[in-house]
Structure formats: C-alpha cells, structure tokens
C-alpha cells in the first residue's frame, strides 16, 4: 500500500485527513509513523498491521482522488481509472 500511495502522489499534508478517515487514533504507532512521513509499517508487530492498512488505504484514497481530478480527468489512459461500472455490466 505504501508503494501505491507513492504512485498516487500522496503528500505529507494528506496525513491528518487520512488519520481521521481511517478511524484509528492519532496516537497509534502507524499514525505517529505516518505523521513523521515514515512508511516502514510492514516491520510493525502483527497487531498493528490492520491499523496500518486502514491508514494507508485512507491516504491512498485521498491522493488518488486528487490525482484523478487534477491529472486524469477526461484524458486518462490508465486502464484502472476507466473500468466499467460492475453494477451496469451484465
């Protein structure tokens, strides 16, 4: 997930919102690490991995939404940004 966040151009300024969206406390280890812009969460104990994953998914969501809006709107060639709506496929 950390790699995906980097590819989506996550920014340090996205961290507070990602912590809020993830539902984890700002004092939890993954949140503290991300506040310091450290991504070595894979080395954390197993009980911290779910929190890390939730946090990184939130960060990715923020960064990818911005990227789609600024760089991909109407001119994107990324296959994953142009997937058909599964609710309308049939």
C-alpha atoms as a PDB file:
ATOM      1  CA  UNK A   1       0.000   0.000   0.000  1.00  0.00           C
ATOM      2  CA  UNK A   2       2.861   2.387   0.690  1.00  0.00           C
ATOM      3  CA  UNK A   3       4.025   1.968  -2.916  1.00  0.00           C
ATOM      4  CA  UNK A   4       0.527   2.710  -4.208  1.00  0.00           C
ATOM      5  CA  UNK A   5       0.400   5.843  -2.043  1.00  0.00           C
ATOM      6  CA  UNK A   6       3.669   6.998  -3.579  1.00  0.00           C
ATOM      7  CA  UNK A   7       2.437   6.324  -7.095  1.00  0.00           C
ATOM      8  CA  UNK A   8      -0.748   8.276  -6.373  1.00  0.00           C
ATOM      9  CA  UNK A   9       1.417  11.211  -5.239  1.00  0.00           C
ATOM     10  CA  UNK A  10       0.418  11.257  -1.581  1.00  0.00           C
ATOM     11  CA  UNK A  11       1.584  14.326   0.313  1.00  0.00           C
ATOM     12  CA  UNK A  12       2.501  14.902   3.920  1.00  0.00           C
ATOM     13  CA  UNK A  13      -0.374  17.397   4.059  1.00  0.00           C
ATOM     14  CA  UNK A  14      -2.760  14.455   3.469  1.00  0.00           C
ATOM     15  CA  UNK A  15      -1.777  12.751   6.728  1.00  0.00           C
ATOM     16  CA  UNK A  16      -4.207  14.439   9.169  1.00  0.00           C
ATOM     17  CA  UNK A  17      -7.184  13.702   6.928  1.00  0.00           C
ATOM     18  CA  UNK A  18      -6.049  10.123   6.356  1.00  0.00           C
ATOM     19  CA  UNK A  19      -5.792   9.561  10.117  1.00  0.00           C
ATOM     20  CA  UNK A  20      -9.288  10.965  10.587  1.00  0.00           C
ATOM     21  CA  UNK A  21     -10.725   8.847   7.755  1.00  0.00           C
ATOM     22  CA  UNK A  22      -9.030   5.669   8.895  1.00  0.00           C
ATOM     23  CA  UNK A  23     -10.724   5.730  12.280  1.00  0.00           C
ATOM     24  CA  UNK A  24      -7.513   4.996  14.171  1.00  0.00           C
ATOM     25  CA  UNK A  25      -6.251   7.210  16.936  1.00  0.00           C
ATOM     26  CA  UNK A  26      -3.522   9.745  16.165  1.00  0.00           C
ATOM     27  CA  UNK A  27      -1.501   8.203  18.997  1.00  0.00           C
ATOM     28  CA  UNK A  28      -1.406   4.712  17.462  1.00  0.00           C
ATOM     29  CA  UNK A  29       2.023   3.746  16.179  1.00  0.00           C
ATOM     30  CA  UNK A  30       1.148   3.689  12.446  1.00  0.00           C
ATOM     31  CA  UNK A  31      -0.375   7.179  12.700  1.00  0.00           C
ATOM     32  CA  UNK A  32       2.656   8.514  14.542  1.00  0.00           C
ATOM     33  CA  UNK A  33       4.941   6.968  11.911  1.00  0.00           C
ATOM     34  CA  UNK A  34       2.947   8.485   9.058  1.00  0.00           C
ATOM     35  CA  UNK A  35       2.959  11.882  10.771  1.00  0.00           C
ATOM     36  CA  UNK A  36       6.756  11.671  10.550  1.00  0.00           C
ATOM     37  CA  UNK A  37       6.410  10.518   6.905  1.00  0.00           C
ATOM     38  CA  UNK A  38       7.803   7.059   7.685  1.00  0.00           C
ATOM     39  CA  UNK A  39       6.408   4.071   5.823  1.00  0.00           C
ATOM     40  CA  UNK A  40       8.181   1.106   7.477  1.00  0.00           C
ATOM     41  CA  UNK A  41       4.915  -0.228   8.809  1.00  0.00           C
ATOM     42  CA  UNK A  42       5.464  -3.739   7.448  1.00  0.00           C
ATOM     43  CA  UNK A  43       8.018  -4.225  10.222  1.00  0.00           C
ATOM     44  CA  UNK A  44       5.459  -3.495  12.942  1.00  0.00           C
ATOM     45  CA  UNK A  45       4.009  -6.294  15.091  1.00  0.00           C
ATOM     46  CA  UNK A  46       1.055  -8.181  13.613  1.00  0.00           C
ATOM     47  CA  UNK A  47      -1.468  -6.423  15.866  1.00  0.00           C
ATOM     48  CA  UNK A  48      -0.528  -3.083  14.243  1.00  0.00           C
ATOM     49  CA  UNK A  49      -0.891  -4.238  10.627  1.00  0.00           C
ATOM     50  CA  UNK A  50      -4.663  -3.819  10.373  1.00  0.00           C
ATOM     51  CA  UNK A  51      -4.360  -0.240  11.622  1.00  0.00           C
ATOM     52  CA  UNK A  52      -1.505   0.379   9.177  1.00  0.00           C
ATOM     53  CA  UNK A  53      -3.533  -0.989   6.284  1.00  0.00           C
ATOM     54  CA  UNK A  54      -6.576   1.130   7.144  1.00  0.00           C
ATOM     55  CA  UNK A  55      -4.395   4.216   7.404  1.00  0.00           C
ATOM     56  CA  UNK A  56      -2.620   3.630   4.106  1.00  0.00           C
ATOM     57  CA  UNK A  57      -5.895   2.895   2.294  1.00  0.00           C
ATOM     58  CA  UNK A  58      -7.223   6.230   3.569  1.00  0.00           C
ATOM     59  CA  UNK A  59      -4.050   8.004   2.416  1.00  0.00           C
ATOM     60  CA  UNK A  60      -4.259   6.324  -0.991  1.00  0.00           C
ATOM     61  CA  UNK A  61      -7.919   7.312  -1.347  1.00  0.00           C
ATOM     62  CA  UNK A  62      -7.125  10.967  -0.718  1.00  0.00           C
ATOM     63  CA  UNK A  63      -4.118  11.012  -3.053  1.00  0.00           C
ATOM     64  CA  UNK A  64      -5.771   9.034  -5.853  1.00  0.00           C
ATOM     65  CA  UNK A  65      -8.903  11.184  -5.747  1.00  0.00           C
ATOM     66  CA  UNK A  66      -6.746  14.284  -6.155  1.00  0.00           C
ATOM     67  CA  UNK A  67      -4.726  12.650  -8.934  1.00  0.00           C
ATOM     68  CA  UNK A  68      -7.850  11.650 -10.837  1.00  0.00           C
ATOM     69  CA  UNK A  69      -9.243  15.173 -10.510  1.00  0.00           C
ATOM     70  CA  UNK A  70      -6.060  17.045 -11.473  1.00  0.00           C
ATOM     71  CA  UNK A  71      -4.261  14.759 -13.903  1.00  0.00           C
ATOM     72  CA  UNK A  72      -6.681  12.171 -15.226  1.00  0.00           C
ATOM     73  CA  UNK A  73      -9.997  13.950 -15.701  1.00  0.00           C
ATOM     74  CA  UNK A  74     -11.205  13.307 -19.234  1.00  0.00           C
ATOM     75  CA  UNK A  75      -7.764  12.493 -20.598  1.00  0.00           C
ATOM     76  CA  UNK A  76      -6.622   9.498 -18.642  1.00  0.00           C
ATOM     77  CA  UNK A  77      -5.156   6.445 -20.288  1.00  0.00           C
ATOM     78  CA  UNK A  78      -4.877   4.416 -17.092  1.00  0.00           C
ATOM     79  CA  UNK A  79      -6.927   1.248 -17.550  1.00  0.00           C
ATOM     80  CA  UNK A  80      -7.741   1.132 -13.826  1.00  0.00           C
ATOM     81  CA  UNK A  81      -9.308   4.595 -13.996  1.00  0.00           C
ATOM     82  CA  UNK A  82     -11.572   3.541 -16.856  1.00  0.00           C
ATOM     83  CA  UNK A  83     -13.088   0.318 -15.560  1.00  0.00           C
ATOM     84  CA  UNK A  84     -16.726  -0.329 -16.401  1.00  0.00           C
ATOM     85  CA  UNK A  85     -19.224   0.050 -13.578  1.00  0.00           C
ATOM     86  CA  UNK A  86     -19.861  -3.525 -12.381  1.00  0.00           C
ATOM     87  CA  UNK A  87     -23.414  -2.578 -11.438  1.00  0.00           C
ATOM     88  CA  UNK A  88     -24.128  -1.782 -15.092  1.00  0.00           C
ATOM     89  CA  UNK A  89     -22.289  -4.743 -16.611  1.00  0.00           C
ATOM     90  CA  UNK A  90     -24.321  -7.738 -17.262  1.00  0.00           C
END
